[in-house]
Protein backbone atom coordinates (compact mmCIF):
# COMPACT_ATOMS: atom_id res chain seq x y z
CA MET A 1 -27.70 -46.34 -7.79
CA PHE A 2 -27.91 -44.93 -4.28
CA LEU A 3 -28.43 -48.41 -2.84
CA LYS A 4 -25.42 -49.70 -4.75
CA ILE A 5 -23.21 -46.91 -3.43
CA LYS A 6 -24.54 -47.40 0.06
CA PHE A 7 -23.84 -51.12 -0.13
CA ARG A 8 -20.32 -50.52 -1.31
CA SER A 9 -19.74 -48.09 1.51
CA ASN A 10 -21.00 -50.61 4.06
CA LYS A 11 -18.79 -53.28 2.51
CA GLU A 12 -15.74 -51.04 2.86
CA ASN A 13 -16.67 -50.25 6.45
CA ASP A 14 -17.01 -53.96 7.15
CA LEU A 15 -13.54 -54.56 5.74
CA LYS A 16 -12.01 -51.86 7.89
CA SER A 17 -13.38 -53.56 11.00
CA LEU A 18 -11.82 -56.92 10.12
CA PRO A 19 -8.50 -57.93 11.69
CA ASP A 20 -5.56 -58.62 9.38
CA GLU A 21 -5.77 -62.37 9.72
CA ASP A 22 -9.40 -62.39 8.55
CA LEU A 23 -8.57 -60.24 5.54
CA ILE A 24 -5.81 -62.68 4.61
CA ARG A 25 -8.05 -65.68 5.13
CA PHE A 26 -10.83 -64.21 2.99
CA TYR A 27 -8.39 -63.17 0.30
CA ARG A 28 -6.92 -66.69 0.14
CA SER A 29 -10.38 -68.25 -0.18
CA THR A 30 -11.82 -65.81 -2.76
CA PRO A 31 -10.46 -63.96 -5.80
CA ASN A 32 -11.67 -60.63 -4.37
CA ASN A 33 -8.87 -58.03 -4.28
CA LEU A 34 -10.80 -55.77 -1.90
CA TYR A 35 -9.21 -57.63 1.01
CA LEU A 36 -5.74 -57.03 -0.37
CA THR A 37 -6.60 -53.38 -1.03
CA GLU A 38 -7.56 -52.95 2.61
CA LEU A 39 -4.24 -54.42 3.73
CA PHE A 40 -2.50 -52.08 1.31
CA ASP A 41 -4.32 -49.08 2.82
CA ARG A 42 -3.38 -50.12 6.32
CA TYR A 43 0.31 -50.70 5.75
CA THR A 44 1.37 -48.49 2.85
CA HIS A 45 2.85 -45.94 5.25
CA LEU A 46 4.85 -48.61 7.09
CA VAL A 47 6.15 -50.21 3.89
CA PHE A 48 7.06 -46.84 2.38
CA GLY A 49 8.94 -45.91 5.56
CA VAL A 50 10.97 -49.13 5.41
CA CYS A 51 11.75 -48.63 1.71
CA LEU A 52 12.80 -45.02 2.24
CA LYS A 53 15.06 -46.05 5.10
CA TYR A 54 16.99 -48.49 2.91
CA LEU A 55 16.70 -47.03 -0.60
CA ARG A 56 17.02 -43.36 0.45
CA ASP A 57 15.11 -42.23 -2.62
CA GLU A 58 11.45 -41.22 -2.59
CA GLU A 59 10.56 -42.24 -6.13
CA GLU A 60 12.39 -45.57 -5.88
CA SER A 61 10.63 -46.19 -2.57
CA LYS A 62 7.22 -45.52 -4.12
CA ASP A 63 7.98 -47.99 -6.91
CA ALA A 64 9.17 -50.54 -4.37
CA VAL A 65 5.93 -50.22 -2.38
CA LEU A 66 3.88 -51.03 -5.48
CA GLN A 67 6.12 -53.99 -6.32
CA ILE A 68 5.88 -55.37 -2.80
CA PHE A 69 2.09 -55.25 -2.71
CA GLU A 70 1.88 -56.61 -6.24
CA ASN A 71 3.93 -59.59 -5.08
CA LEU A 72 1.47 -60.12 -2.22
CA MET A 73 -1.10 -61.31 -4.75
CA THR A 74 0.85 -64.55 -5.09
CA SER A 75 2.90 -64.74 -1.88
CA LEU A 76 -0.15 -64.62 0.41
CA HIS A 77 -1.45 -67.73 -1.34
CA LYS A 78 1.81 -69.57 -0.76
CA GLN A 79 2.87 -68.53 2.74
CA GLU A 80 1.23 -68.83 6.12
CA VAL A 81 1.17 -65.41 7.75
CA VAL A 82 0.46 -65.17 11.47
CA ASN A 83 1.38 -61.55 12.16
CA PHE A 84 0.94 -59.54 8.98
CA LYS A 85 2.53 -56.34 10.28
CA SER A 86 5.72 -58.11 11.31
CA TRP A 87 5.71 -60.20 8.14
CA ILE A 88 5.22 -57.28 5.74
CA TYR A 89 8.02 -55.41 7.50
CA LYS A 90 10.42 -58.30 6.88
CA VAL A 91 9.21 -58.70 3.29
CA SER A 92 9.75 -54.99 2.65
CA LYS A 93 13.20 -55.03 4.20
CA ASN A 94 14.27 -58.08 2.19
CA HIS A 95 12.89 -56.56 -1.01
CA CYS A 96 14.97 -53.43 -0.47
CA LEU A 97 18.13 -55.35 0.41
CA MET A 98 17.75 -57.45 -2.74
CA SER A 99 17.27 -54.29 -4.80
CA LEU A 100 20.40 -52.75 -3.30
CA ARG A 101 22.42 -55.91 -4.00
CA LYS A 102 21.20 -55.86 -7.58
CA LEU A 103 22.18 -52.21 -7.97
CA LYS A 104 25.61 -52.88 -6.48
CA SER A 105 26.04 -55.83 -8.82
CA MET A 106 25.11 -53.68 -11.83
CA GLU A 107 27.42 -50.93 -10.63
CA LYS A 108 30.23 -53.44 -10.21
CA VAL A 109 29.76 -54.70 -13.78
CA LYS A 110 29.74 -51.12 -15.06
CA MET A 111 32.89 -50.24 -13.12
CA GLU A 112 34.66 -53.38 -14.36
CA TYR A 113 33.65 -52.45 -17.89
CA PHE A 114 35.09 -48.95 -17.68
CA GLU A 115 38.16 -50.24 -15.88
CA SER A 116 38.84 -52.72 -18.69
CA ILE A 117 38.62 -49.89 -21.22
CA ARG A 118 40.83 -47.71 -19.04
CA GLN A 119 43.50 -50.37 -18.78
CA GLU A 120 43.41 -51.20 -22.48
CA ILE A 121 43.34 -47.68 -23.83
CA MET A 122 44.96 -45.49 -21.23
CA GLU A 123 47.34 -47.29 -18.94
CA SER A 124 49.98 -47.86 -21.58
CA GLU A 125 49.97 -44.13 -22.27
CA GLY A 126 50.65 -43.30 -18.64
CA ILE A 127 47.79 -40.80 -18.55
CA PHE A 128 46.55 -41.68 -15.11
CA HIS A 129 49.96 -41.92 -13.53
CA HIS A 130 51.43 -38.70 -14.85
CA ASN A 131 48.58 -36.41 -15.86
CA ASN A 132 47.66 -34.06 -13.01
CA GLY A 133 48.02 -36.83 -10.45
CA LEU A 134 44.73 -38.37 -11.58
CA GLU A 135 43.87 -41.53 -9.63
CA ILE A 136 42.11 -44.58 -11.04
CA GLU A 137 39.02 -43.86 -8.91
CA GLU A 138 38.81 -40.37 -10.42
CA SER A 139 39.42 -41.60 -13.95
CA ILE A 140 36.35 -43.85 -14.14
CA PRO A 141 33.76 -41.02 -14.01
CA LEU A 142 35.82 -39.09 -16.56
CA LEU A 143 35.88 -42.11 -18.83
CA GLN A 144 32.10 -42.41 -18.52
CA LYS A 145 31.74 -38.81 -19.65
CA ALA A 146 34.17 -39.40 -22.47
CA MET A 147 32.13 -42.39 -23.67
CA GLU A 148 29.04 -40.20 -23.88
CA LYS A 149 30.88 -37.86 -26.24
CA LEU A 150 31.68 -40.58 -28.77
CA ASN A 151 29.48 -40.89 -31.83
CA GLU A 152 27.04 -43.80 -31.89
CA GLU A 153 29.18 -46.05 -34.11
CA GLN A 154 32.30 -45.67 -32.00
CA ARG A 155 30.47 -46.08 -28.71
CA LYS A 156 28.56 -49.15 -29.94
CA CYS A 157 31.72 -50.90 -31.14
CA ILE A 158 33.68 -50.18 -27.96
CA GLU A 159 30.79 -51.28 -25.73
CA LEU A 160 30.38 -54.57 -27.62
CA ILE A 161 34.09 -55.31 -27.59
CA TYR A 162 34.81 -54.38 -23.98
CA LEU A 163 31.51 -54.87 -22.18
CA GLN A 164 30.31 -57.98 -24.00
CA ASP A 165 33.75 -59.32 -24.96
CA LYS A 166 32.87 -59.60 -28.65
CA SER A 167 35.40 -60.01 -31.44
CA TYR A 168 35.64 -57.61 -34.37
CA GLN A 169 33.94 -60.21 -36.53
CA GLU A 170 31.08 -60.65 -34.07
CA VAL A 171 30.62 -56.89 -33.79
CA ALA A 172 30.42 -56.66 -37.58
CA ILE A 173 27.66 -59.29 -37.64
CA ILE A 174 25.72 -57.64 -34.78
CA THR A 175 25.94 -54.07 -36.07
CA GLY A 176 25.92 -54.65 -39.80
CA TYR A 177 29.12 -52.63 -40.16
CA SER A 178 31.90 -54.00 -42.32
CA LEU A 179 34.92 -55.50 -40.57
CA LYS A 180 36.99 -52.54 -41.77
CA GLN A 181 34.43 -50.10 -40.32
CA VAL A 182 34.38 -51.90 -36.96
CA LYS A 183 38.15 -51.68 -36.66
CA SER A 184 38.10 -48.04 -37.71
CA TYR A 185 35.29 -47.06 -35.31
CA THR A 186 37.03 -48.87 -32.46
CA GLN A 187 40.44 -47.34 -33.08
CA ASN A 188 39.03 -43.85 -33.56
CA GLY A 189 36.87 -44.25 -30.47
CA LYS A 190 39.84 -45.28 -28.36
CA ARG A 191 41.84 -42.36 -29.73
CA ASN A 192 39.03 -39.93 -28.90
CA LEU A 193 38.77 -41.29 -25.37
CA LYS A 194 42.50 -40.91 -24.90
CA ASN A 195 42.48 -37.35 -26.26
CA TYR A 196 39.55 -36.38 -24.02
CA LEU A 197 41.26 -37.65 -20.88
CA GLU A 198 44.61 -36.09 -21.76
CA THR A 199 42.96 -32.68 -21.61
CA LYS A 200 41.55 -33.23 -18.10
């Protein structure tokens, strides 16, 4: 047991003395993840710093670090890497930028969704033009809060109709509600949203 531990310790010491390019070369030629682990140990701090710079959230940055190094398991077999430090910096930066674009895209979809509900339910009532000077930008967060206050049936019907552009008939098939129930849940949900916003 002692010899085994001692051997492992020597192996780890040997890895620490290897330059990055050798670790990559050995990793590409063998299935041993010890080489990748050593690279992870060397550059975790750098990658985390890059992620934190762009994502501005510690937990999201930690998750991103794990994703980036997990992707290395395949990307190092496909790409030729001359300067690992420079390369991992660029990979980390690109990963974060892609994540931010995805978040912005999701946020855009969500905003369009709430805006479509706002226009359909509220604009004709003049709520946002005449009630306390509320602007469209201010109304979206309020509408989100109002949606959370709906019961499950009303919220589900409104989300399917406005977010996924489903017809009443399609919503009935998806939810198992009757067509009459779908129409009722939708109308009551819209009325509740309107009433909530009229009090703000």
